[in-house]
Protein backbone atom coordinates (compact mmCIF):
# COMPACT_ATOMS: atom_id res chain seq x y z
CA MET A 1 14.25 0.44 18.70
CA VAL A 2 11.98 -0.96 16.01
CA ARG A 3 8.15 -1.46 16.77
CA MET A 4 6.67 -4.80 15.88
CA VAL A 5 3.57 -4.51 14.15
CA TYR A 6 0.74 -6.26 15.94
CA GLU A 7 -2.24 -4.80 14.77
CA ARG A 8 -4.07 -4.05 11.50
CA SER A 9 -4.11 -0.57 12.13
CA ASP A 10 -0.36 -0.64 12.23
CA VAL A 11 0.06 -2.04 8.82
CA ILE A 12 -2.10 -0.02 7.09
CA PRO A 13 0.49 3.07 6.77
CA LEU A 14 2.82 0.74 5.67
CA ILE A 15 0.88 -0.73 2.83
CA GLY A 16 0.10 2.79 1.81
CA GLU A 17 3.55 3.76 1.44
CA MET A 18 4.05 0.71 -0.80
CA PHE A 19 1.06 1.45 -3.11
CA ARG A 20 2.54 5.10 -3.40
CA ARG A 21 5.89 3.81 -4.52
CA TYR A 22 4.87 0.92 -6.94
CA GLY A 23 0.84 1.49 -7.67
CA PHE A 24 -1.88 -0.87 -6.76
CA GLU A 25 -0.83 -3.15 -9.70
CA GLY A 26 2.81 -3.00 -8.95
CA THR A 27 2.41 -3.82 -5.30
CA SER A 28 2.71 -7.36 -5.07
CA ILE A 29 1.94 -9.38 -1.88
CA SER A 30 5.66 -10.51 -1.69
CA ARG A 31 6.66 -6.52 -1.66
CA LEU A 32 4.06 -6.15 0.98
CA THR A 33 5.44 -9.10 3.18
CA GLU A 34 9.10 -7.87 2.67
CA HIS A 35 7.97 -4.09 3.61
CA THR A 36 5.78 -4.74 6.46
CA LYS A 37 7.93 -8.00 7.94
CA LEU A 38 4.71 -9.83 8.01
CA GLY A 39 3.94 -13.40 6.47
CA LYS A 40 1.35 -13.99 3.87
CA GLY A 41 -0.64 -15.43 6.62
CA SER A 42 -0.61 -12.43 8.73
CA LEU A 43 -1.50 -10.09 5.91
CA TYR A 44 -4.53 -12.39 4.84
CA ASN A 45 -5.50 -12.50 8.57
CA PHE A 46 -5.72 -8.48 8.69
CA PHE A 47 -7.01 -8.44 5.46
CA PRO A 48 -9.00 -11.68 4.09
CA GLY A 49 -10.05 -9.65 0.99
CA GLY A 50 -6.43 -9.37 -0.31
CA LYS A 51 -5.23 -6.40 -1.86
CA ASP A 52 -8.54 -4.69 -2.68
CA GLU A 53 -9.33 -4.87 1.23
CA MET A 54 -6.04 -3.36 1.79
CA ALA A 55 -6.40 -0.56 -0.73
CA GLU A 56 -9.92 0.18 0.63
CA ALA A 57 -8.08 0.41 4.29
CA VAL A 58 -5.55 2.65 3.12
CA LEU A 59 -8.04 4.89 1.39
CA ASP A 60 -10.17 4.79 4.49
CA HIS A 61 -6.96 5.92 6.57
CA ILE A 62 -6.25 8.76 4.13
CA ARG A 63 -10.00 9.94 4.40
CA GLN A 64 -10.21 9.75 8.12
CA TRP A 65 -7.05 11.97 8.32
CA PHE A 66 -8.15 14.25 5.98
CA GLU A 67 -11.61 14.41 7.60
CA ILE A 68 -9.83 15.48 10.98
CA GLU A 69 -7.02 17.41 9.86
CA ILE A 70 -8.49 18.98 6.67
CA PHE A 71 -12.27 18.98 6.20
CA GLN A 72 -13.46 19.31 9.45
CA PRO A 73 -11.55 22.80 10.44
CA LEU A 74 -12.63 24.01 6.77
CA ASP A 75 -16.31 23.28 8.26
CA GLU A 76 -15.78 24.59 11.44
CA LEU A 77 -12.95 27.08 11.74
CA SER A 78 -13.09 31.00 10.34
CA PRO A 79 -12.46 31.04 6.79
CA SER A 80 -9.24 32.42 7.03
CA GLU A 81 -8.01 30.27 9.88
CA ALA A 82 -9.29 27.22 7.88
CA VAL A 83 -7.95 28.02 4.75
CA ASP A 84 -4.33 28.62 6.06
CA ARG A 85 -4.81 25.29 8.06
CA MET A 86 -5.77 23.45 4.80
CA PHE A 87 -2.67 24.68 2.85
CA ASP A 88 -0.43 24.22 5.90
CA GLY A 89 -1.68 20.70 6.41
CA VAL A 90 -1.50 19.64 2.74
CA SER A 91 1.89 21.01 2.54
CA GLU A 92 3.14 18.52 5.36
CA TYR A 93 0.96 15.77 4.26
CA PHE A 94 2.37 15.74 0.69
CA ARG A 95 5.75 16.75 1.88
CA SER A 96 6.08 19.86 -0.03
CA GLY A 97 4.96 18.17 -3.03
CA GLN A 98 7.39 15.09 -2.63
CA ARG A 99 4.78 12.69 -1.77
CA ILE A 100 2.05 11.46 -4.27
CA CYS A 101 -1.52 11.92 -3.45
CA LEU A 102 -2.61 8.22 -3.24
CA VAL A 103 -6.21 8.97 -3.86
CA GLY A 104 -5.20 10.74 -6.89
CA ALA A 105 -2.75 8.05 -8.27
CA PHE A 106 -5.88 5.74 -7.62
CA ALA A 107 -8.07 7.90 -9.91
CA LEU A 108 -5.29 7.55 -12.60
CA GLU A 109 -4.82 3.81 -12.51
CA GLU A 110 -6.44 0.82 -14.14
CA THR A 111 -8.12 0.54 -10.72
CA ARG A 112 -9.89 3.71 -10.66
CA ASP A 113 -13.52 1.97 -11.35
CA ARG A 114 -12.85 -0.69 -8.54
CA PHE A 115 -12.37 2.22 -5.96
CA SER A 116 -14.43 5.37 -7.68
CA SER A 117 -16.65 5.41 -4.82
CA ALA A 118 -13.87 6.34 -2.29
CA VAL A 119 -11.93 8.54 -4.84
CA CYS A 120 -15.18 10.45 -5.81
CA SER A 121 -15.95 11.01 -2.10
CA TYR A 122 -12.64 12.09 -1.25
CA PHE A 123 -12.50 14.73 -3.68
CA ASP A 124 -16.08 15.69 -3.59
CA ARG A 125 -15.87 16.29 0.28
CA TRP A 126 -12.53 18.38 -0.11
CA ILE A 127 -14.16 20.67 -2.57
CA HIS A 128 -17.52 20.80 -0.68
CA ALA A 129 -15.72 21.78 2.49
CA LEU A 130 -13.29 24.41 0.93
CA SER A 131 -16.62 26.05 -0.88
CA GLY A 132 -18.06 26.26 2.36
CA ALA A 133 -15.14 28.12 3.94
CA LEU A 134 -15.14 30.47 0.83
CA GLN A 135 -18.78 31.19 0.96
CA ARG A 136 -18.67 31.99 4.49
CA SER A 137 -15.78 34.46 3.98
CA GLY A 138 -18.16 36.37 1.80
CA MET A 139 -17.88 34.64 -1.79
CA ASN A 140 -21.02 33.82 -3.73
CA PRO A 141 -21.66 30.21 -4.11
CA ALA A 142 -21.22 29.78 -7.83
CA ASP A 143 -17.62 31.42 -7.47
CA ALA A 144 -16.75 29.57 -4.45
CA GLY A 145 -17.42 26.08 -5.77
CA THR A 146 -15.43 26.94 -8.87
CA LEU A 147 -12.61 28.31 -6.93
CA ALA A 148 -12.57 25.20 -4.55
CA ALA A 149 -12.40 23.00 -7.52
CA GLU A 150 -9.66 24.98 -9.08
CA VAL A 151 -7.85 24.70 -5.68
CA VAL A 152 -7.72 21.18 -5.25
CA ALA A 153 -6.96 20.79 -9.10
CA GLY A 154 -3.97 23.00 -8.48
CA ILE A 155 -2.85 21.30 -5.65
CA GLN A 156 -2.71 17.88 -7.41
CA GLY A 157 -1.11 19.44 -10.29
CA ALA A 158 1.36 21.33 -8.01
CA ILE A 159 2.20 17.57 -6.49
CA VAL A 160 2.65 16.04 -9.74
CA LEU A 161 4.87 19.15 -11.03
CA SER A 162 7.15 19.36 -8.04
CA ARG A 163 7.75 15.45 -7.85
CA ALA A 164 8.32 15.62 -11.71
CA LEU A 165 10.85 18.38 -11.56
CA LYS A 166 12.19 17.34 -8.16
CA ASP A 167 11.54 21.02 -7.10
CA GLU A 168 9.85 21.63 -3.66
CA ALA A 169 10.12 25.34 -4.01
CA ARG A 170 7.68 25.16 -7.22
CA PHE A 171 5.33 23.29 -4.81
CA ALA A 172 5.76 25.91 -2.05
CA ALA A 173 5.29 28.80 -4.81
CA ILE A 174 1.79 27.17 -6.37
CA ILE A 175 0.34 26.48 -2.74
CA ALA A 176 1.24 30.18 -1.70
CA ARG A 177 -0.71 31.55 -5.23
CA LEU A 178 -3.64 29.05 -4.34
CA ALA A 179 -3.91 30.50 -0.78
CA GLN A 180 -3.73 33.96 -2.23
CA ARG A 181 -6.55 33.48 -4.52
CA CYS A 182 -8.66 31.90 -1.58
CA ARG A 183 -7.91 34.91 0.52
CA GLY A 184 -8.94 37.27 -2.45
CA ASP A 185 -5.38 38.96 -2.53
């Protein structure tokens, strides 16, 4: 049974998928109305600020998911459990590298300056949370910060490479190696 979209929160993930597929600039209002099954009036009722407000809402939705599923566990769980959960979570979220990182895509598009605060805070938060977990495992702060940045960059690179090569196994192999580095294996 098809569920109708009645609330703003229902439409945000649908808009996010359009931004993932076409980018910010390539996502037209007509594409959004077709995909969401909402008229222009309804879209502008939910998002009076237009596409910019839609993008901000999508980025905030992603930030909230990562805060609950990735960042808080990195802050609160034992280091090994937190790191394992992070890699499991990103593998699931990015569908083994077959789903682009929309925040990363926004960082690369011409719109990067428009959404730089959200993009920077997402990556800073991730690096900081992972660095904290690595420090709690006994790693010195400088090495933990360096490794955390390399791991986040490695995850982003694994997404790009596995999508470009249509090779989920490559994503899994890179993620496994990054997890080993975090565990000190």
